[in-house]
Amino acid sequence: MVRTEISLFLKNVPGELGKLTALLGEAKINIDAITIQDASSYVRELFKEYNPN
Protein backbone atom coordinates (compact mmCIF):
# COMPACT_ATOMS: atom_id res chain seq x y z
CA MET A 1 0.00 0.00 0.00
CA VAL A 2 1.31 3.43 -0.92
CA ARG A 3 1.10 6.13 1.74
CA THR A 4 1.70 9.77 1.01
CA GLU A 5 2.28 12.53 3.55
CA ILE A 6 1.11 16.05 2.78
CA SER A 7 1.24 19.33 4.68
CA LEU A 8 -1.42 21.97 4.17
CA PHE A 9 -2.20 25.40 5.50
CA LEU A 10 -5.90 26.17 5.91
CA LYS A 11 -7.72 29.27 7.03
CA ASN A 12 -8.69 29.10 10.70
CA VAL A 13 -12.41 29.49 10.03
CA PRO A 14 -15.36 27.19 10.72
CA GLY A 15 -15.96 24.66 7.96
CA GLU A 16 -12.58 24.88 6.25
CA LEU A 17 -11.40 21.46 7.44
CA GLY A 18 -14.80 20.04 6.54
CA LYS A 19 -14.45 21.30 2.97
CA LEU A 20 -11.04 19.64 2.69
CA THR A 21 -12.23 16.30 4.05
CA ALA A 22 -15.27 16.38 1.73
CA LEU A 23 -13.00 16.89 -1.28
CA LEU A 24 -10.71 14.07 -0.18
CA GLY A 25 -13.70 11.80 0.38
CA GLU A 26 -15.10 12.54 -3.08
CA ALA A 27 -11.70 11.60 -4.52
CA LYS A 28 -11.78 8.33 -2.51
CA ILE A 29 -8.73 9.40 -0.49
CA ASN A 30 -8.62 8.04 3.06
CA ILE A 31 -7.05 9.88 5.97
CA ASP A 32 -5.07 7.49 8.15
CA ALA A 33 -3.85 10.12 10.60
CA ILE A 34 -4.08 13.86 11.09
CA THR A 35 -2.15 16.39 13.15
CA ILE A 36 -3.46 19.90 13.63
CA GLN A 37 -1.50 22.82 15.02
CA ASP A 38 -1.82 26.58 15.14
CA ALA A 39 0.72 27.82 12.62
CA SER A 40 -0.51 31.42 12.42
CA SER A 41 2.71 32.96 13.76
CA TYR A 42 4.79 30.80 11.39
CA VAL A 43 2.67 31.84 8.40
CA ARG A 44 2.93 35.54 9.36
CA GLU A 45 6.73 35.28 9.55
CA LEU A 46 6.86 33.38 6.28
CA PHE A 47 4.71 36.01 4.59
CA LYS A 48 6.95 38.81 5.89
CA GLU A 49 10.04 37.01 4.59
CA TYR A 50 8.68 36.62 1.05
CA ASN A 51 6.73 39.90 0.91
CA PRO A 52 8.71 42.51 2.84
CA ASN A 53 6.46 45.42 1.76
C-alpha atoms as a PDB file:
ATOM      1  CA  MET A   1       0.000   0.000   0.000  1.00  0.00           C
ATOM      2  CA  VAL A   2       1.310   3.433  -0.921  1.00  0.00           C
ATOM      3  CA  ARG A   3       1.098   6.126   1.739  1.00  0.00           C
ATOM      4  CA  THR A   4       1.700   9.766   1.010  1.00  0.00           C
ATOM      5  CA  GLU A   5       2.275  12.525   3.547  1.00  0.00           C
ATOM      6  CA  ILE A   6       1.106  16.047   2.777  1.00  0.00           C
ATOM      7  CA  SER A   7       1.244  19.330   4.679  1.00  0.00           C
ATOM      8  CA  LEU A   8      -1.417  21.968   4.174  1.00  0.00           C
ATOM      9  CA  PHE A   9      -2.201  25.399   5.497  1.00  0.00           C
ATOM     10  CA  LEU A  10      -5.895  26.168   5.911  1.00  0.00           C
ATOM     11  CA  LYS A  11      -7.722  29.271   7.033  1.00  0.00           C
ATOM     12  CA  ASN A  12      -8.688  29.103  10.697  1.00  0.00           C
ATOM     13  CA  VAL A  13     -12.413  29.488  10.034  1.00  0.00           C
ATOM     14  CA  PRO A  14     -15.361  27.192  10.722  1.00  0.00           C
ATOM     15  CA  GLY A  15     -15.965  24.658   7.959  1.00  0.00           C
ATOM     16  CA  GLU A  16     -12.575  24.876   6.255  1.00  0.00           C
ATOM     17  CA  LEU A  17     -11.402  21.456   7.440  1.00  0.00           C
ATOM     18  CA  GLY A  18     -14.799  20.035   6.543  1.00  0.00           C
ATOM     19  CA  LYS A  19     -14.448  21.302   2.970  1.00  0.00           C
ATOM     20  CA  LEU A  20     -11.043  19.636   2.690  1.00  0.00           C
ATOM     21  CA  THR A  21     -12.229  16.299   4.046  1.00  0.00           C
ATOM     22  CA  ALA A  22     -15.273  16.378   1.734  1.00  0.00           C
ATOM     23  CA  LEU A  23     -12.999  16.887  -1.276  1.00  0.00           C
ATOM     24  CA  LEU A  24     -10.711  14.072  -0.177  1.00  0.00           C
ATOM     25  CA  GLY A  25     -13.701  11.803   0.384  1.00  0.00           C
ATOM     26  CA  GLU A  26     -15.102  12.544  -3.080  1.00  0.00           C
ATOM     27  CA  ALA A  27     -11.697  11.600  -4.517  1.00  0.00           C
ATOM     28  CA  LYS A  28     -11.777   8.325  -2.513  1.00  0.00           C
ATOM     29  CA  ILE A  29      -8.734   9.403  -0.495  1.00  0.00           C
ATOM     30  CA  ASN A  30      -8.622   8.036   3.058  1.00  0.00           C
ATOM     31  CA  ILE A  31      -7.049   9.881   5.967  1.00  0.00           C
ATOM     32  CA  ASP A  32      -5.066   7.487   8.152  1.00  0.00           C
ATOM     33  CA  ALA A  33      -3.846  10.118  10.605  1.00  0.00           C
ATOM     34  CA  ILE A  34      -4.075  13.857  11.091  1.00  0.00           C
ATOM     35  CA  THR A  35      -2.154  16.394  13.154  1.00  0.00           C
ATOM     36  CA  ILE A  36      -3.459  19.902  13.632  1.00  0.00           C
ATOM     37  CA  GLN A  37      -1.497  22.822  15.022  1.00  0.00           C
ATOM     38  CA  ASP A  38      -1.819  26.575  15.136  1.00  0.00           C
ATOM     39  CA  ALA A  39       0.723  27.825  12.624  1.00  0.00           C
ATOM     40  CA  SER A  40      -0.507  31.416  12.420  1.00  0.00           C
ATOM     41  CA  SER A  41       2.711  32.959  13.756  1.00  0.00           C
ATOM     42  CA  TYR A  42       4.788  30.798  11.392  1.00  0.00           C
ATOM     43  CA  VAL A  43       2.670  31.844   8.401  1.00  0.00           C
ATOM     44  CA  ARG A  44       2.928  35.542   9.361  1.00  0.00           C
ATOM     45  CA  GLU A  45       6.728  35.283   9.551  1.00  0.00           C
ATOM     46  CA  LEU A  46       6.859  33.377   6.275  1.00  0.00           C
ATOM     47  CA  PHE A  47       4.707  36.010   4.588  1.00  0.00           C
ATOM     48  CA  LYS A  48       6.951  38.814   5.893  1.00  0.00           C
ATOM     49  CA  GLU A  49      10.038  37.013   4.586  1.00  0.00           C
ATOM     50  CA  TYR A  50       8.676  36.621   1.051  1.00  0.00           C
ATOM     51  CA  ASN A  51       6.732  39.904   0.905  1.00  0.00           C
ATOM     52  CA  PRO A  52       8.711  42.508   2.844  1.00  0.00           C
ATOM     53  CA  ASN A  53       6.465  45.418   1.763  1.00  0.00           C
END
